[in-house]
Amino acid sequence: MSTYHGKEATREEPRNVSLFGHRDYRHLFGAQLVALFGTGLTTVALGLLAYDLAGSDAGAVLGTALAIKMITYVTVAPLSVAYADRVPRRFLLVTLDMIRALVVLALPFVDQVWQIYVLIVVLQSASASFTPAFQAVLPDLLPDERDYTKALSLSQLASTMESLLSPLLAAAVLSLVSFHWLFTGTSLGFAASAALVLSTRIPDAARGDRGGAWERTMSGIKMYVATPRLRGTLGLDLVVAAAGSVIMVNTVNYVRDTLGGTQSDVALLLAANGAGTILAALLLPRVLDGIPDRTVMLTGGGTLLAGLTGAIALSTVEYGAAAPVVWAVIGLGTGLVLTPVGRVLRKSSRPADRPAIFAARFSLSHACWLLAYPIAGRLATDAGFTVTWLVLGALGVIGFVTAVRAWPRNDEDHPRPHAKAGFRNP
């Protein structure tokens, strides 16, 4: 029986209903999808706005905006936990969506670069609070393990499809109107997301009793580093960031400068990477029925290291025919690591601790990206791709070894801290 707070009725969803037969999940997935594509359109429009304001310095502006985004993610997500369970969850999500809608709507009116930075801080602060709160809803809304696994796969699939399709959608819109209209469309998307969330009957977060604001802020990170399997997932997050930064930061320059390829070739490599992630998301609901999360995620980590090894080999020759395969392998490994991680977080926490655990994971995983991004960007400029990818490969090996050592092989029998500290046995 799922208990809904407020005036909503208390009732049990039919057990033999498909995942999309759950009305509240269906609306939440729609909200996620609309917000994802809105974010993708904002990324395209922000690049054009930076060029409009800064011209040849647009790259520096975008680099700074990306750094601001990551720093905001790392710092704000844990802070938001201190008060996330003090307000109704639905009210929180709707408010954060509306803040994002208003910020995006204001972006076309800026005329100074510093104004972009200020609005990015506000926008990404809202996103850093929204995303972990949204992720923490699903375990409470979908208590059945198989339904929850399918929902995780769909979330990963939606995120990957957004990265592939948003540029195409933006190009179609830009063929008809000015890029400023992308911000308007994005704002409407966030407003639609808020309306969909408002139409649900999601349960409020279970209120924890973890002392003052600072203690509540740090509780998720303390629980995360104190739980062996979660330390293992953090090691794998470092592997994902090391390999993913090759894709996110270096693909354009690798294709254009090393291979002498075209913009279409850049799109092909990014599509190959996305196809690998999609394949993992489609296969995992069945795979996870019979194979432990640890095995699947460590396999993903090994796959990512294999992909990085392939990229290093490619960087030593001017022959890119195998590049789509290497990029697809990295995408496959990314999907194998990221898709099951929500199951591990749910297994490692009580309902009252889930907002803190999901926020801690959001913050710590982005800290890994904050470490890997500058290496991929600055070192590639100074030392070339081979040296850069060797360094990132070493970083990935450190993360993988950490995961193997921290995550007990016989995970089900490994003793857990007492539930009073915020943990429970699987």
Protein backbone atom coordinates (compact mmCIF):
# COMPACT_ATOMS: atom_id res chain seq x y z
CA MET A 1 0.00 0.00 0.00
CA SER A 2 1.42 3.38 -1.01
CA THR A 3 0.60 6.24 1.32
CA TYR A 4 0.09 9.63 -0.30
CA HIS A 5 0.21 12.73 1.84
CA GLY A 6 -2.17 15.63 1.69
CA LYS A 7 -5.69 15.32 0.32
CA GLU A 8 -4.90 12.66 -2.25
CA ALA A 9 -6.53 9.30 -1.84
CA THR A 10 -4.65 6.33 -0.50
CA ARG A 11 -4.85 3.39 -2.82
CA GLU A 12 -2.88 0.53 -4.26
CA GLU A 13 -1.98 0.36 -7.96
CA PRO A 14 -3.03 -2.85 -9.72
CA ARG A 15 -0.23 -5.37 -9.66
CA ASN A 16 -0.72 -6.76 -13.15
CA VAL A 17 -0.51 -3.44 -14.92
CA SER A 18 2.25 -2.46 -17.34
CA LEU A 19 4.77 0.18 -16.30
CA PHE A 20 3.00 2.87 -18.30
CA GLY A 21 -0.26 1.71 -16.77
CA HIS A 22 0.90 3.49 -13.60
CA ARG A 23 -0.67 6.89 -14.12
CA ASP A 24 1.69 8.76 -11.81
CA TYR A 25 4.79 7.20 -13.34
CA ARG A 26 3.48 7.92 -16.83
CA HIS A 27 3.08 11.60 -15.98
CA LEU A 28 6.49 11.78 -14.27
CA PHE A 29 8.20 10.14 -17.24
CA GLY A 30 6.49 12.66 -19.52
CA ALA A 31 7.75 15.47 -17.29
CA GLN A 32 11.29 14.06 -17.41
CA LEU A 33 11.17 13.72 -21.20
CA VAL A 34 9.93 17.27 -21.77
CA ALA A 35 12.47 18.73 -19.35
CA LEU A 36 15.34 16.73 -20.91
CA PHE A 37 14.63 18.00 -24.40
CA GLY A 38 14.19 21.50 -23.02
CA THR A 39 17.63 21.28 -21.45
CA GLY A 40 19.09 20.04 -24.74
CA LEU A 41 17.61 22.95 -26.67
CA THR A 42 18.94 25.36 -24.04
CA THR A 43 22.46 23.97 -24.55
CA VAL A 44 22.29 24.70 -28.29
CA ALA A 45 20.75 28.13 -27.77
CA LEU A 46 23.28 29.04 -25.07
CA GLY A 47 26.15 28.35 -27.46
CA LEU A 48 24.61 30.64 -30.07
CA LEU A 49 23.94 33.31 -27.45
CA ALA A 50 27.56 33.15 -26.27
CA TYR A 51 28.74 33.62 -29.87
CA ASP A 52 26.31 36.50 -30.31
CA LEU A 53 27.76 38.25 -27.24
CA ALA A 54 31.41 37.20 -27.27
CA GLY A 55 32.22 36.34 -30.89
CA SER A 56 35.58 34.56 -31.10
CA ASP A 57 35.66 34.25 -27.28
CA ALA A 58 32.48 32.17 -27.25
CA GLY A 59 34.45 29.00 -26.47
CA ALA A 60 35.87 30.55 -23.32
CA VAL A 61 32.41 31.70 -22.29
CA LEU A 62 30.95 28.22 -22.77
CA GLY A 63 33.89 26.62 -20.96
CA THR A 64 33.32 28.88 -18.00
CA ALA A 65 29.58 28.18 -18.07
CA LEU A 66 30.30 24.42 -18.07
CA ALA A 67 32.66 24.78 -15.11
CA ILE A 68 30.03 26.83 -13.26
CA LYS A 69 27.46 24.13 -14.00
CA MET A 70 29.63 21.34 -12.57
CA ILE A 71 30.67 23.31 -9.48
CA THR A 72 27.02 24.16 -8.85
CA TYR A 73 26.01 20.51 -9.20
CA VAL A 74 28.69 19.38 -6.76
CA THR A 75 27.89 21.96 -4.09
CA VAL A 76 24.14 22.58 -4.33
CA ALA A 77 22.83 18.99 -4.49
CA PRO A 78 23.90 18.10 -0.90
CA LEU A 79 22.72 21.50 0.37
CA SER A 80 19.25 20.96 -1.07
CA VAL A 81 18.82 17.80 1.00
CA ALA A 82 18.80 19.78 4.24
CA TYR A 83 15.32 21.07 3.39
CA ALA A 84 14.03 18.67 0.71
CA ASP A 85 12.05 16.60 3.22
CA ARG A 86 10.71 19.72 4.95
CA VAL A 87 8.35 20.68 2.11
CA PRO A 88 5.86 18.62 0.07
CA ARG A 89 7.80 16.84 -2.65
CA ARG A 90 5.37 17.73 -5.43
CA PHE A 91 5.44 21.42 -4.45
CA LEU A 92 9.25 21.33 -4.47
CA LEU A 93 9.50 19.79 -7.94
CA VAL A 94 6.91 22.15 -9.44
CA THR A 95 8.60 25.20 -7.90
CA LEU A 96 12.02 24.17 -9.23
CA ASP A 97 10.57 23.59 -12.71
CA MET A 98 9.01 27.06 -12.70
CA ILE A 99 12.30 28.64 -11.57
CA ARG A 100 14.01 26.96 -14.52
CA ALA A 101 11.29 28.15 -16.87
CA LEU A 102 11.66 31.77 -15.72
CA VAL A 103 15.48 31.73 -15.90
CA VAL A 104 15.48 30.32 -19.44
CA LEU A 105 12.88 32.88 -20.46
CA ALA A 106 15.20 35.65 -19.21
CA LEU A 107 18.30 34.44 -21.11
CA PRO A 108 17.44 36.06 -24.50
CA PHE A 109 17.37 39.47 -22.81
CA VAL A 110 20.92 39.43 -21.43
CA ASP A 111 23.46 41.77 -23.02
CA GLN A 112 26.51 41.07 -20.86
CA VAL A 113 28.50 37.85 -20.45
CA TRP A 114 28.44 38.09 -16.64
CA GLN A 115 24.64 38.00 -16.76
CA ILE A 116 24.85 34.59 -18.47
CA TYR A 117 26.99 33.31 -15.60
CA VAL A 118 24.55 34.56 -12.95
CA LEU A 119 21.56 32.98 -14.68
CA ILE A 120 23.48 29.72 -15.17
CA VAL A 121 24.12 29.55 -11.42
CA VAL A 122 20.40 29.96 -10.71
CA LEU A 123 19.37 27.54 -13.48
CA GLN A 124 21.81 24.81 -12.50
CA SER A 125 21.06 25.25 -8.78
CA ALA A 126 17.44 24.48 -9.57
CA SER A 127 18.47 21.47 -11.67
CA ALA A 128 20.87 20.23 -8.96
CA SER A 129 17.95 20.29 -6.51
CA PHE A 130 15.36 18.91 -8.94
CA THR A 131 17.21 15.89 -10.35
CA PRO A 132 18.04 13.98 -7.13
CA ALA A 133 14.62 14.80 -5.66
CA PHE A 134 12.99 13.47 -8.83
CA GLN A 135 15.17 10.33 -8.82
CA ALA A 136 14.30 9.64 -5.18
CA VAL A 137 10.58 9.58 -6.06
CA LEU A 138 10.79 6.51 -8.30
CA PRO A 139 11.75 3.91 -5.65
CA ASP A 140 8.77 5.01 -3.55
CA LEU A 141 6.41 5.15 -6.51
CA LEU A 142 7.49 1.79 -8.00
CA PRO A 143 8.12 -0.66 -5.13
CA ASP A 144 8.28 -3.64 -7.50
CA GLU A 145 11.94 -4.33 -8.39
CA ARG A 146 11.22 -5.19 -12.02
CA ASP A 147 9.13 -2.08 -12.58
CA TYR A 148 11.83 0.06 -11.01
CA THR A 149 14.52 -1.54 -13.18
CA LYS A 150 12.45 -0.85 -16.31
CA ALA A 151 11.99 2.76 -15.18
CA LEU A 152 15.77 3.15 -14.75
CA SER A 153 16.35 1.77 -18.24
CA LEU A 154 13.75 4.13 -19.69
CA SER A 155 15.37 7.09 -17.91
CA GLN A 156 18.77 6.18 -19.36
CA LEU A 157 17.19 5.66 -22.79
CA ALA A 158 15.43 9.02 -22.61
CA SER A 159 18.63 10.81 -21.59
CA THR A 160 20.59 9.23 -24.44
CA MET A 161 17.90 9.90 -27.04
CA GLU A 162 17.79 13.53 -25.91
CA SER A 163 21.51 13.93 -26.54
CA LEU A 164 21.07 12.49 -30.02
CA LEU A 165 17.84 14.20 -31.06
CA SER A 166 18.03 17.63 -29.41
CA PRO A 167 20.57 18.98 -31.92
CA LEU A 168 18.40 17.74 -34.80
CA LEU A 169 15.30 19.31 -33.27
CA ALA A 170 17.18 22.55 -32.68
CA ALA A 171 18.39 22.57 -36.30
CA ALA A 172 14.82 22.12 -37.53
CA VAL A 173 13.59 25.00 -35.37
CA LEU A 174 16.49 27.25 -36.36
CA SER A 175 15.67 26.74 -40.03
CA LEU A 176 12.41 28.58 -39.34
CA VAL A 177 13.07 31.09 -36.53
CA SER A 178 15.85 32.87 -34.61
CA PHE A 179 17.72 30.99 -31.89
CA HIS A 180 16.05 33.23 -29.27
CA TRP A 181 12.87 31.24 -29.83
CA LEU A 182 14.65 28.14 -28.56
CA PHE A 183 14.66 29.72 -25.11
CA THR A 184 10.93 30.36 -25.36
CA GLY A 185 10.29 26.76 -26.36
CA THR A 186 12.46 25.50 -23.52
CA SER A 187 10.62 27.68 -21.01
CA LEU A 188 7.32 26.25 -22.19
CA GLY A 189 8.82 22.76 -21.82
CA PHE A 190 9.72 23.35 -18.18
CA ALA A 191 6.24 24.76 -17.57
CA ALA A 192 4.74 21.62 -19.15
CA SER A 193 6.98 19.50 -16.91
CA ALA A 194 5.67 21.39 -13.87
CA ALA A 195 2.07 20.80 -14.99
CA LEU A 196 2.69 17.06 -15.40
CA VAL A 197 4.29 16.81 -11.96
CA LEU A 198 1.38 18.77 -10.49
CA SER A 199 -1.05 16.22 -11.94
CA THR A 200 0.57 13.31 -10.05
CA ARG A 201 -0.08 11.93 -6.57
CA ILE A 202 3.54 11.29 -5.66
CA PRO A 203 4.29 10.57 -2.00
CA ASP A 204 6.10 13.13 0.09
CA ALA A 205 9.62 12.32 1.21
CA ALA A 206 9.81 10.48 4.52
CA ARG A 207 11.03 13.03 7.03
CA GLY A 208 14.39 12.13 8.53
CA ASP A 209 15.66 13.12 11.94
CA ARG A 210 19.31 13.97 11.39
CA GLY A 211 19.80 17.07 13.51
CA GLY A 212 20.65 20.54 12.19
CA ALA A 213 20.95 21.83 8.65
CA TRP A 214 24.67 21.07 8.34
CA GLU A 215 24.24 17.52 9.60
CA ARG A 216 21.37 16.98 7.16
CA THR A 217 23.48 18.44 4.35
CA MET A 218 26.38 16.06 4.97
CA SER A 219 24.32 12.99 5.90
CA GLY A 220 24.05 11.63 2.37
CA ILE A 221 27.77 11.93 1.67
CA LYS A 222 28.61 10.32 5.03
CA MET A 223 26.28 7.41 4.31
CA TYR A 224 27.66 7.09 0.80
CA VAL A 225 31.31 6.79 1.80
CA ALA A 226 30.44 4.50 4.74
CA THR A 227 28.67 1.92 2.53
CA PRO A 228 31.05 -0.44 0.68
CA ARG A 229 28.87 -0.99 -2.39
CA LEU A 230 28.31 2.76 -2.77
CA ARG A 231 32.05 3.41 -2.61
CA GLY A 232 32.23 0.87 -5.41
CA THR A 233 29.72 2.80 -7.52
CA LEU A 234 31.74 5.99 -6.91
CA GLY A 235 34.83 4.27 -8.30
CA LEU A 236 32.84 3.31 -11.38
CA ASP A 237 31.58 6.89 -11.71
CA LEU A 238 35.22 7.90 -12.03
CA VAL A 239 35.65 5.36 -14.85
CA VAL A 240 32.55 6.75 -16.59
CA ALA A 241 33.86 10.31 -16.29
CA ALA A 242 37.33 9.38 -17.56
CA ALA A 243 35.96 7.66 -20.67
CA GLY A 244 33.02 10.01 -21.11
CA SER A 245 35.22 13.10 -21.16
CA VAL A 246 36.91 11.69 -24.26
CA ILE A 247 33.50 11.64 -25.92
CA MET A 248 32.18 14.94 -24.60
CA VAL A 249 35.32 17.06 -24.88
CA ASN A 250 37.61 15.53 -27.51
CA THR A 251 35.35 14.11 -30.24
CA VAL A 252 35.05 17.31 -32.29
CA ASN A 253 38.78 18.07 -32.36
CA TYR A 254 39.72 14.42 -32.90
CA VAL A 255 37.48 14.14 -35.95
CA ARG A 256 38.17 17.56 -37.44
CA ASP A 257 41.88 17.99 -36.66
CA THR A 258 43.28 14.45 -36.51
CA LEU A 259 41.07 12.63 -39.01
CA GLY A 260 40.25 15.63 -41.20
CA GLY A 261 36.57 14.72 -41.01
CA THR A 262 33.42 16.78 -41.40
CA GLN A 263 30.65 17.86 -39.05
CA SER A 264 28.69 14.83 -40.26
CA ASP A 265 31.55 12.57 -39.15
CA VAL A 266 31.40 14.18 -35.69
CA ALA A 267 27.67 13.43 -35.56
CA LEU A 268 28.35 9.83 -36.65
CA LEU A 269 30.77 9.21 -33.79
CA LEU A 270 28.45 10.75 -31.22
CA ALA A 271 25.57 8.70 -32.61
CA ALA A 272 27.67 5.52 -32.33
CA ASN A 273 28.35 6.32 -28.69
CA GLY A 274 24.65 6.93 -28.05
CA ALA A 275 23.72 3.69 -29.82
CA GLY A 276 25.94 1.73 -27.42
CA THR A 277 24.25 3.31 -24.41
CA ILE A 278 20.79 2.66 -25.86
CA LEU A 279 21.68 -1.00 -26.44
CA ALA A 280 22.65 -1.40 -22.78
CA ALA A 281 19.46 0.30 -21.59
CA LEU A 282 17.32 -2.00 -23.74
CA LEU A 283 19.06 -5.22 -22.65
CA LEU A 284 19.46 -4.63 -18.93
CA PRO A 285 15.88 -5.14 -17.62
CA ARG A 286 16.11 -8.81 -18.59
CA VAL A 287 19.79 -9.20 -17.74
CA LEU A 288 19.37 -7.82 -14.22
CA ASP A 289 16.73 -10.45 -13.44
CA GLY A 290 19.46 -13.06 -13.23
CA ILE A 291 22.80 -11.27 -12.83
CA PRO A 292 23.81 -9.24 -9.75
CA ASP A 293 24.18 -5.47 -10.06
CA ARG A 294 27.83 -5.69 -9.05
CA THR A 295 28.66 -8.06 -11.91
CA VAL A 296 26.83 -5.95 -14.50
CA MET A 297 28.35 -2.66 -13.36
CA LEU A 298 31.90 -4.01 -13.07
CA THR A 299 31.49 -5.48 -16.56
CA GLY A 300 30.54 -1.99 -17.66
CA GLY A 301 33.66 -0.57 -16.01
CA GLY A 302 35.83 -3.12 -17.80
CA THR A 303 34.08 -2.31 -21.08
CA LEU A 304 34.84 1.38 -20.58
CA LEU A 305 38.53 0.63 -19.99
CA ALA A 306 38.56 -1.49 -23.15
CA GLY A 307 37.04 1.43 -25.04
CA LEU A 308 39.64 3.83 -23.62
CA THR A 309 42.40 1.42 -24.66
CA GLY A 310 40.98 1.39 -28.18
CA ALA A 311 40.87 5.18 -28.24
CA ILE A 312 44.52 5.37 -27.13
CA ALA A 313 45.48 2.97 -29.92
CA LEU A 314 43.57 5.05 -32.47
CA SER A 315 45.32 8.22 -31.32
CA THR A 316 48.67 6.78 -32.45
CA VAL A 317 47.59 6.25 -36.07
CA GLU A 318 45.82 8.43 -38.61
CA TYR A 319 43.18 5.80 -39.31
CA GLY A 320 39.70 6.37 -37.95
CA ALA A 321 37.70 3.53 -39.52
CA ALA A 322 37.46 1.74 -36.16
CA ALA A 323 36.49 4.89 -34.26
CA PRO A 324 32.70 4.30 -34.42
CA VAL A 325 33.22 0.85 -32.88
CA VAL A 326 35.40 2.28 -30.08
CA TRP A 327 32.92 5.08 -29.39
CA ALA A 328 30.05 2.53 -29.33
CA VAL A 329 31.98 0.35 -26.85
CA ILE A 330 32.38 3.35 -24.54
CA GLY A 331 28.64 4.03 -24.87
CA LEU A 332 27.84 0.40 -24.03
CA GLY A 333 30.04 0.51 -20.94
CA THR A 334 28.43 3.77 -19.85
CA GLY A 335 24.97 2.24 -20.07
CA LEU A 336 26.03 -0.88 -18.15
CA VAL A 337 27.34 1.26 -15.28
CA LEU A 338 24.71 4.01 -15.10
CA THR A 339 21.46 2.14 -15.69
CA PRO A 340 21.52 -0.15 -12.59
CA VAL A 341 22.89 2.45 -10.18
CA GLY A 342 19.45 3.46 -8.89
CA ARG A 343 18.84 -0.15 -7.80
CA VAL A 344 22.05 -0.05 -5.78
CA LEU A 345 21.06 3.24 -4.14
CA ARG A 346 17.64 1.90 -3.20
CA LYS A 347 19.15 -1.30 -1.84
CA SER A 348 21.50 0.72 0.36
CA SER A 349 19.04 3.11 1.99
CA ARG A 350 15.81 3.45 3.94
CA PRO A 351 13.01 5.60 2.44
CA ALA A 352 13.84 8.48 4.79
CA ASP A 353 17.45 8.49 3.56
CA ARG A 354 16.80 8.29 -0.18
CA PRO A 355 16.76 12.04 -0.93
CA ALA A 356 20.13 12.36 0.82
CA ILE A 357 21.60 9.29 -0.90
CA PHE A 358 20.45 10.33 -4.38
CA ALA A 359 21.70 13.89 -3.82
CA ALA A 360 25.07 12.60 -2.60
CA ARG A 361 25.42 10.42 -5.66
CA PHE A 362 24.48 13.33 -7.94
CA SER A 363 27.09 15.54 -6.28
CA LEU A 364 29.92 12.99 -6.09
CA SER A 365 29.46 11.69 -9.64
CA HIS A 366 29.64 15.23 -10.99
CA ALA A 367 32.77 15.80 -8.92
CA CYS A 368 34.32 13.00 -10.99
CA TRP A 369 33.36 14.85 -14.18
CA LEU A 370 34.76 18.07 -12.73
CA LEU A 371 38.09 16.26 -12.36
CA ALA A 372 38.05 14.64 -15.81
CA TYR A 373 36.81 17.55 -17.93
CA PRO A 374 39.84 19.83 -17.42
CA ILE A 375 42.21 16.95 -18.14
CA ALA A 376 40.48 16.16 -21.41
CA GLY A 377 40.29 19.81 -22.41
CA ARG A 378 43.52 21.46 -21.29
CA LEU A 379 45.93 18.52 -21.53
CA ALA A 380 44.74 17.62 -25.04
CA THR A 381 45.57 21.15 -26.16
CA ASP A 382 49.05 21.08 -24.60
CA ALA A 383 50.14 17.45 -25.01
CA GLY A 384 47.91 15.82 -27.64
CA PHE A 385 45.35 13.04 -27.55
CA THR A 386 47.66 10.10 -26.83
CA VAL A 387 49.08 11.56 -23.61
CA THR A 388 45.67 12.88 -22.55
CA TRP A 389 43.89 9.60 -23.06
CA LEU A 390 46.68 7.70 -21.30
CA VAL A 391 46.18 9.95 -18.27
CA LEU A 392 42.42 9.47 -18.43
CA GLY A 393 42.96 5.73 -18.82
CA ALA A 394 45.09 5.72 -15.66
CA LEU A 395 42.33 7.65 -13.89
CA GLY A 396 39.84 5.04 -15.08
CA VAL A 397 42.03 2.18 -13.82
CA ILE A 398 42.19 3.84 -10.39
CA GLY A 399 38.40 4.07 -10.33
CA PHE A 400 37.95 0.46 -11.45
CA VAL A 401 40.40 -0.94 -8.89
CA THR A 402 38.67 1.12 -6.21
CA ALA A 403 35.31 -0.33 -7.24
CA VAL A 404 36.54 -3.94 -7.21
CA ARG A 405 38.21 -3.55 -3.82
CA ALA A 406 35.45 -1.54 -2.14
CA TRP A 407 32.42 -3.51 -3.37
CA PRO A 408 32.36 -6.91 -1.61
CA ARG A 409 32.18 -9.88 -3.94
CA ASN A 410 29.62 -11.63 -1.73
CA ASP A 411 27.56 -8.46 -1.41
CA GLU A 412 24.40 -10.02 -0.01
CA ASP A 413 26.23 -11.53 2.98
CA HIS A 414 28.40 -8.52 3.73
CA PRO A 415 27.52 -6.94 7.11
CA ARG A 416 25.91 -3.51 6.99
CA PRO A 417 26.05 -0.61 9.45
CA HIS A 418 23.15 -0.49 11.86
CA ALA A 419 19.92 0.82 10.31
CA LYS A 420 19.96 3.73 12.75
CA ALA A 421 22.93 5.14 10.81
CA GLY A 422 20.86 5.23 7.67
CA PHE A 423 21.41 1.81 6.09
CA ARG A 424 19.56 -1.41 5.72
CA ASN A 425 20.32 -4.91 4.55
CA PRO A 426 19.17 -5.77 1.04
